[in-house]
């Protein structure tokens, strides 16, 4: 073998090594930090908590509402308001809240997959409006948003499909 053959063989071996290092799932996970995974888990937890919060408003009826709040205070502001209208308003808010929850969970899934950073960040911003019990879901979404901003370089530039 001459020197040219040795150089070509070394280049070929390096190419195989590089291909193996890039495509090996074990080597890829070693180079990445857990920050996007933590952000994804926080967003999914925020979404689940907010969903549990908003689903309560679907189950509320007029009798339950009247036992929880004093309707006469609302009637002082607007005499034509009824308990049924308040229940319908709460149901509408619950529908909007559940739509927001879908985006929050989507952002968590994208963050776990480390794909589409911009959409994951937008979903975490939308998650700020998910409210939840004592605004806990909004706080979790805020923490996840900060973590997503920090870990932008770890997301793939490839399309989702």
C-alpha atoms as a PDB file:
ATOM      1  CA  UNK A   1       0.000   0.000   0.000  1.00  0.00           C
ATOM      2  CA  UNK A   2       1.222   3.429  -0.780  1.00  0.00           C
ATOM      3  CA  UNK A   3       0.760   6.642   1.210  1.00  0.00           C
ATOM      4  CA  UNK A   4      -2.199   7.786  -0.905  1.00  0.00           C
ATOM      5  CA  UNK A   5      -4.129   4.591  -0.150  1.00  0.00           C
ATOM      6  CA  UNK A   6      -3.427   4.980   3.575  1.00  0.00           C
ATOM      7  CA  UNK A   7      -4.680   8.577   3.512  1.00  0.00           C
ATOM      8  CA  UNK A   8      -7.858   7.572   1.658  1.00  0.00           C
ATOM      9  CA  UNK A   9      -8.451   4.707   4.110  1.00  0.00           C
ATOM     10  CA  UNK A  10      -7.961   7.060   7.087  1.00  0.00           C
ATOM     11  CA  UNK A  11     -10.364   9.585   5.594  1.00  0.00           C
ATOM     12  CA  UNK A  12     -12.906   6.820   4.974  1.00  0.00           C
ATOM     13  CA  UNK A  13     -12.504   5.494   8.546  1.00  0.00           C
ATOM     14  CA  UNK A  14     -12.953   8.999   9.955  1.00  0.00           C
ATOM     15  CA  UNK A  15     -16.094   9.434   7.841  1.00  0.00           C
ATOM     16  CA  UNK A  16     -17.546   6.171   9.173  1.00  0.00           C
ATOM     17  CA  UNK A  17     -16.667   7.199  12.743  1.00  0.00           C
ATOM     18  CA  UNK A  18     -18.214  10.621  12.294  1.00  0.00           C
ATOM     19  CA  UNK A  19     -21.357   9.084  10.779  1.00  0.00           C
ATOM     20  CA  UNK A  20     -21.613   6.634  13.664  1.00  0.00           C
ATOM     21  CA  UNK A  21     -21.057   9.360  16.287  1.00  0.00           C
ATOM     22  CA  UNK A  22     -23.726  11.590  14.778  1.00  0.00           C
ATOM     23  CA  UNK A  23     -26.329   8.845  14.346  1.00  0.00           C
ATOM     24  CA  UNK A  24     -25.735   7.018  17.610  1.00  0.00           C
ATOM     25  CA  UNK A  25     -28.625   7.716  20.017  1.00  0.00           C
ATOM     26  CA  UNK A  26     -26.300   7.208  22.986  1.00  0.00           C
ATOM     27  CA  UNK A  27     -23.830   9.867  21.879  1.00  0.00           C
ATOM     28  CA  UNK A  28     -26.547  12.363  20.994  1.00  0.00           C
ATOM     29  CA  UNK A  29     -28.141  12.251  24.422  1.00  0.00           C
ATOM     30  CA  UNK A  30     -24.793  12.795  26.140  1.00  0.00           C
ATOM     31  CA  UNK A  31     -24.244  16.131  24.411  1.00  0.00           C
ATOM     32  CA  UNK A  32     -27.614  17.638  25.311  1.00  0.00           C
ATOM     33  CA  UNK A  33     -28.642  19.239  28.548  1.00  0.00           C
ATOM     34  CA  UNK A  34     -31.886  18.330  30.307  1.00  0.00           C
ATOM     35  CA  UNK A  35     -33.205  21.910  30.194  1.00  0.00           C
ATOM     36  CA  UNK A  36     -35.653  21.433  27.257  1.00  0.00           C
ATOM     37  CA  UNK A  37     -36.879  18.202  28.838  1.00  0.00           C
ATOM     38  CA  UNK A  38     -37.543  19.999  32.139  1.00  0.00           C
ATOM     39  CA  UNK A  39     -39.346  22.791  30.259  1.00  0.00           C
ATOM     40  CA  UNK A  40     -41.480  20.211  28.438  1.00  0.00           C
ATOM     41  CA  UNK A  41     -42.412  18.431  31.644  1.00  0.00           C
ATOM     42  CA  UNK A  42     -43.309  21.739  33.313  1.00  0.00           C
ATOM     43  CA  UNK A  43     -45.522  22.722  30.377  1.00  0.00           C
ATOM     44  CA  UNK A  44     -47.311  19.370  30.376  1.00  0.00           C
ATOM     45  CA  UNK A  45     -47.885  19.577  34.148  1.00  0.00           C
ATOM     46  CA  UNK A  46     -49.128  23.158  33.738  1.00  0.00           C
ATOM     47  CA  UNK A  47     -51.506  22.008  31.016  1.00  0.00           C
ATOM     48  CA  UNK A  48     -52.886  19.142  33.065  1.00  0.00           C
ATOM     49  CA  UNK A  49     -53.411  21.338  36.146  1.00  0.00           C
ATOM     50  CA  UNK A  50     -55.093  24.043  34.085  1.00  0.00           C
ATOM     51  CA  UNK A  51     -57.307  21.440  32.400  1.00  0.00           C
ATOM     52  CA  UNK A  52     -58.422  20.148  35.797  1.00  0.00           C
ATOM     53  CA  UNK A  53     -59.140  23.736  36.824  1.00  0.00           C
ATOM     54  CA  UNK A  54     -61.197  24.589  33.736  1.00  0.00           C
ATOM     55  CA  UNK A  55     -63.099  21.289  33.622  1.00  0.00           C
ATOM     56  CA  UNK A  56     -64.744  22.248  36.924  1.00  0.00           C
ATOM     57  CA  UNK A  57     -66.645  24.993  35.150  1.00  0.00           C
ATOM     58  CA  UNK A  58     -68.212  22.508  32.736  1.00  0.00           C
ATOM     59  CA  UNK A  59     -69.742  20.586  35.626  1.00  0.00           C
ATOM     60  CA  UNK A  60     -71.163  23.594  37.441  1.00  0.00           C
ATOM     61  CA  UNK A  61     -74.926  24.066  37.367  1.00  0.00           C
ATOM     62  CA  UNK A  62     -77.225  26.818  38.621  1.00  0.00           C
ATOM     63  CA  UNK A  63     -77.850  25.227  42.032  1.00  0.00           C
ATOM     64  CA  UNK A  64     -74.141  24.776  42.688  1.00  0.00           C
ATOM     65  CA  UNK A  65     -73.416  28.312  41.532  1.00  0.00           C
ATOM     66  CA  UNK A  66     -76.056  29.783  43.819  1.00  0.00           C
ATOM     67  CA  UNK A  67     -74.656  27.843  46.759  1.00  0.00           C
ATOM     68  CA  UNK A  68     -71.139  29.116  46.054  1.00  0.00           C
ATOM     69  CA  UNK A  69     -71.731  32.818  45.347  1.00  0.00           C
ATOM     70  CA  UNK A  70     -74.333  35.407  46.181  1.00  0.00           C
ATOM     71  CA  UNK A  71     -76.106  36.276  42.921  1.00  0.00           C
ATOM     72  CA  UNK A  72     -77.662  39.407  44.434  1.00  0.00           C
ATOM     73  CA  UNK A  73     -74.284  41.156  44.243  1.00  0.00           C
ATOM     74  CA  UNK A  74     -74.240  40.652  40.477  1.00  0.00           C
ATOM     75  CA  UNK A  75     -77.855  41.807  40.250  1.00  0.00           C
ATOM     76  CA  UNK A  76     -76.890  45.113  41.890  1.00  0.00           C
ATOM     77  CA  UNK A  77     -74.466  45.761  39.042  1.00  0.00           C
ATOM     78  CA  UNK A  78     -76.799  44.536  36.310  1.00  0.00           C
ATOM     79  CA  UNK A  79     -80.413  43.802  37.341  1.00  0.00           C
ATOM     80  CA  UNK A  80     -81.133  41.789  34.196  1.00  0.00           C
ATOM     81  CA  UNK A  81     -78.418  39.176  34.859  1.00  0.00           C
ATOM     82  CA  UNK A  82     -79.500  35.677  35.820  1.00  0.00           C
ATOM     83  CA  UNK A  83     -77.818  32.608  37.236  1.00  0.00           C
ATOM     84  CA  UNK A  84     -78.154  30.841  33.891  1.00  0.00           C
ATOM     85  CA  UNK A  85     -76.238  33.631  32.171  1.00  0.00           C
ATOM     86  CA  UNK A  86     -73.425  33.379  34.696  1.00  0.00           C
ATOM     87  CA  UNK A  87     -73.249  29.601  34.179  1.00  0.00           C
ATOM     88  CA  UNK A  88     -73.122  30.118  30.398  1.00  0.00           C
ATOM     89  CA  UNK A  89     -70.350  32.688  30.841  1.00  0.00           C
ATOM     90  CA  UNK A  90     -68.335  30.270  32.984  1.00  0.00           C
ATOM     91  CA  UNK A  91     -68.840  27.509  30.397  1.00  0.00           C
ATOM     92  CA  UNK A  92     -67.565  29.843  27.669  1.00  0.00           C
ATOM     93  CA  UNK A  93     -64.519  30.707  29.777  1.00  0.00           C
ATOM     94  CA  UNK A  94     -63.924  26.981  30.329  1.00  0.00           C
ATOM     95  CA  UNK A  95     -63.974  26.327  26.573  1.00  0.00           C
ATOM     96  CA  UNK A  96     -61.440  29.096  25.973  1.00  0.00           C
ATOM     97  CA  UNK A  97     -59.324  27.817  28.870  1.00  0.00           C
ATOM     98  CA  UNK A  98     -59.305  24.272  27.469  1.00  0.00           C
ATOM     99  CA  UNK A  99     -58.194  25.564  24.063  1.00  0.00           C
ATOM    100  CA  UNK A 100     -55.305  27.357  25.764  1.00  0.00           C
ATOM    101  CA  UNK A 101     -54.462  24.133  27.597  1.00  0.00           C
ATOM    102  CA  UNK A 102     -54.101  22.294  24.270  1.00  0.00           C
ATOM    103  CA  UNK A 103     -51.438  24.779  23.186  1.00  0.00           C
ATOM    104  CA  UNK A 104     -49.639  24.468  26.513  1.00  0.00           C
ATOM    105  CA  UNK A 105     -49.438  20.684  26.221  1.00  0.00           C
ATOM    106  CA  UNK A 106     -48.370  20.960  22.561  1.00  0.00           C
ATOM    107  CA  UNK A 107     -45.512  23.232  23.637  1.00  0.00           C
ATOM    108  CA  UNK A 108     -44.480  20.645  26.215  1.00  0.00           C
ATOM    109  CA  UNK A 109     -44.432  17.866  23.643  1.00  0.00           C
ATOM    110  CA  UNK A 110     -42.400  19.949  21.171  1.00  0.00           C
ATOM    111  CA  UNK A 111     -39.982  20.832  23.935  1.00  0.00           C
ATOM    112  CA  UNK A 112     -39.532  17.189  24.884  1.00  0.00           C
ATOM    113  CA  UNK A 113     -38.826  16.352  21.230  1.00  0.00           C
ATOM    114  CA  UNK A 114     -36.521  19.405  20.911  1.00  0.00           C
ATOM    115  CA  UNK A 115     -38.233  20.488  17.704  1.00  0.00           C
ATOM    116  CA  UNK A 116     -39.741  23.749  16.476  1.00  0.00           C
ATOM    117  CA  UNK A 117     -38.322  26.047  19.145  1.00  0.00           C
ATOM    118  CA  UNK A 118     -40.391  29.043  18.030  1.00  0.00           C
ATOM    119  CA  UNK A 119     -43.682  27.200  18.283  1.00  0.00           C
ATOM    120  CA  UNK A 120     -42.716  25.669  21.639  1.00  0.00           C
ATOM    121  CA  UNK A 121     -41.875  29.148  22.928  1.00  0.00           C
ATOM    122  CA  UNK A 122     -45.139  30.581  21.573  1.00  0.00           C
ATOM    123  CA  UNK A 123     -47.076  27.770  23.247  1.00  0.00           C
ATOM    124  CA  UNK A 124     -45.363  28.505  26.563  1.00  0.00           C
ATOM    125  CA  UNK A 125     -46.337  32.177  26.187  1.00  0.00           C
ATOM    126  CA  UNK A 126     -49.924  31.119  25.529  1.00  0.00           C
ATOM    127  CA  UNK A 127     -49.602  28.893  28.604  1.00  0.00           C
ATOM    128  CA  UNK A 128     -49.183  32.040  30.700  1.00  0.00           C
ATOM    129  CA  UNK A 129     -52.912  32.603  30.160  1.00  0.00           C
ATOM    130  CA  UNK A 130     -53.892  29.088  31.243  1.00  0.00           C
ATOM    131  CA  UNK A 131     -54.374  30.291  34.854  1.00  0.00           C
ATOM    132  CA  UNK A 132     -55.010  27.090  36.770  1.00  0.00           C
ATOM    133  CA  UNK A 133     -55.415  26.802  40.517  1.00  0.00           C
ATOM    134  CA  UNK A 134     -53.922  29.886  42.203  1.00  0.00           C
ATOM    135  CA  UNK A 135     -52.192  30.798  38.912  1.00  0.00           C
ATOM    136  CA  UNK A 136     -49.855  27.828  39.439  1.00  0.00           C
ATOM    137  CA  UNK A 137     -50.084  26.800  35.791  1.00  0.00           C
ATOM    138  CA  UNK A 138     -49.103  30.292  34.688  1.00  0.00           C
ATOM    139  CA  UNK A 139     -46.054  30.237  36.959  1.00  0.00           C
ATOM    140  CA  UNK A 140     -44.995  26.837  35.590  1.00  0.00           C
ATOM    141  CA  UNK A 141     -45.431  28.152  32.037  1.00  0.00           C
ATOM    142  CA  UNK A 142     -43.287  31.186  32.877  1.00  0.00           C
ATOM    143  CA  UNK A 143     -40.491  28.987  34.248  1.00  0.00           C
ATOM    144  CA  UNK A 144     -40.730  26.759  31.165  1.00  0.00           C
ATOM    145  CA  UNK A 145     -40.600  29.812  28.896  1.00  0.00           C
ATOM    146  CA  UNK A 146     -37.386  31.003  30.566  1.00  0.00           C
ATOM    147  CA  UNK A 147     -35.872  27.528  30.232  1.00  0.00           C
ATOM    148  CA  UNK A 148     -36.838  27.407  26.548  1.00  0.00           C
ATOM    149  CA  UNK A 149     -35.195  30.765  25.910  1.00  0.00           C
ATOM    150  CA  UNK A 150     -32.012  29.545  27.597  1.00  0.00           C
ATOM    151  CA  UNK A 151     -31.916  26.290  25.623  1.00  0.00           C
ATOM    152  CA  UNK A 152     -32.642  27.607  22.128  1.00  0.00           C
ATOM    153  CA  UNK A 153     -29.471  26.134  20.594  1.00  0.00           C
ATOM    154  CA  UNK A 154     -30.448  22.596  21.564  1.00  0.00           C
ATOM    155  CA  UNK A 155     -33.477  22.473  19.287  1.00  0.00           C
ATOM    156  CA  UNK A 156     -33.243  20.878  15.849  1.00  0.00           C
ATOM    157  CA  UNK A 157     -33.555  23.017  12.765  1.00  0.00           C
ATOM    158  CA  UNK A 158     -35.254  20.168  10.884  1.00  0.00           C
ATOM    159  CA  UNK A 159     -38.993  20.102  10.208  1.00  0.00           C
ATOM    160  CA  UNK A 160     -41.250  18.102  12.523  1.00  0.00           C
ATOM    161  CA  UNK A 161     -42.083  15.422   9.951  1.00  0.00           C
END
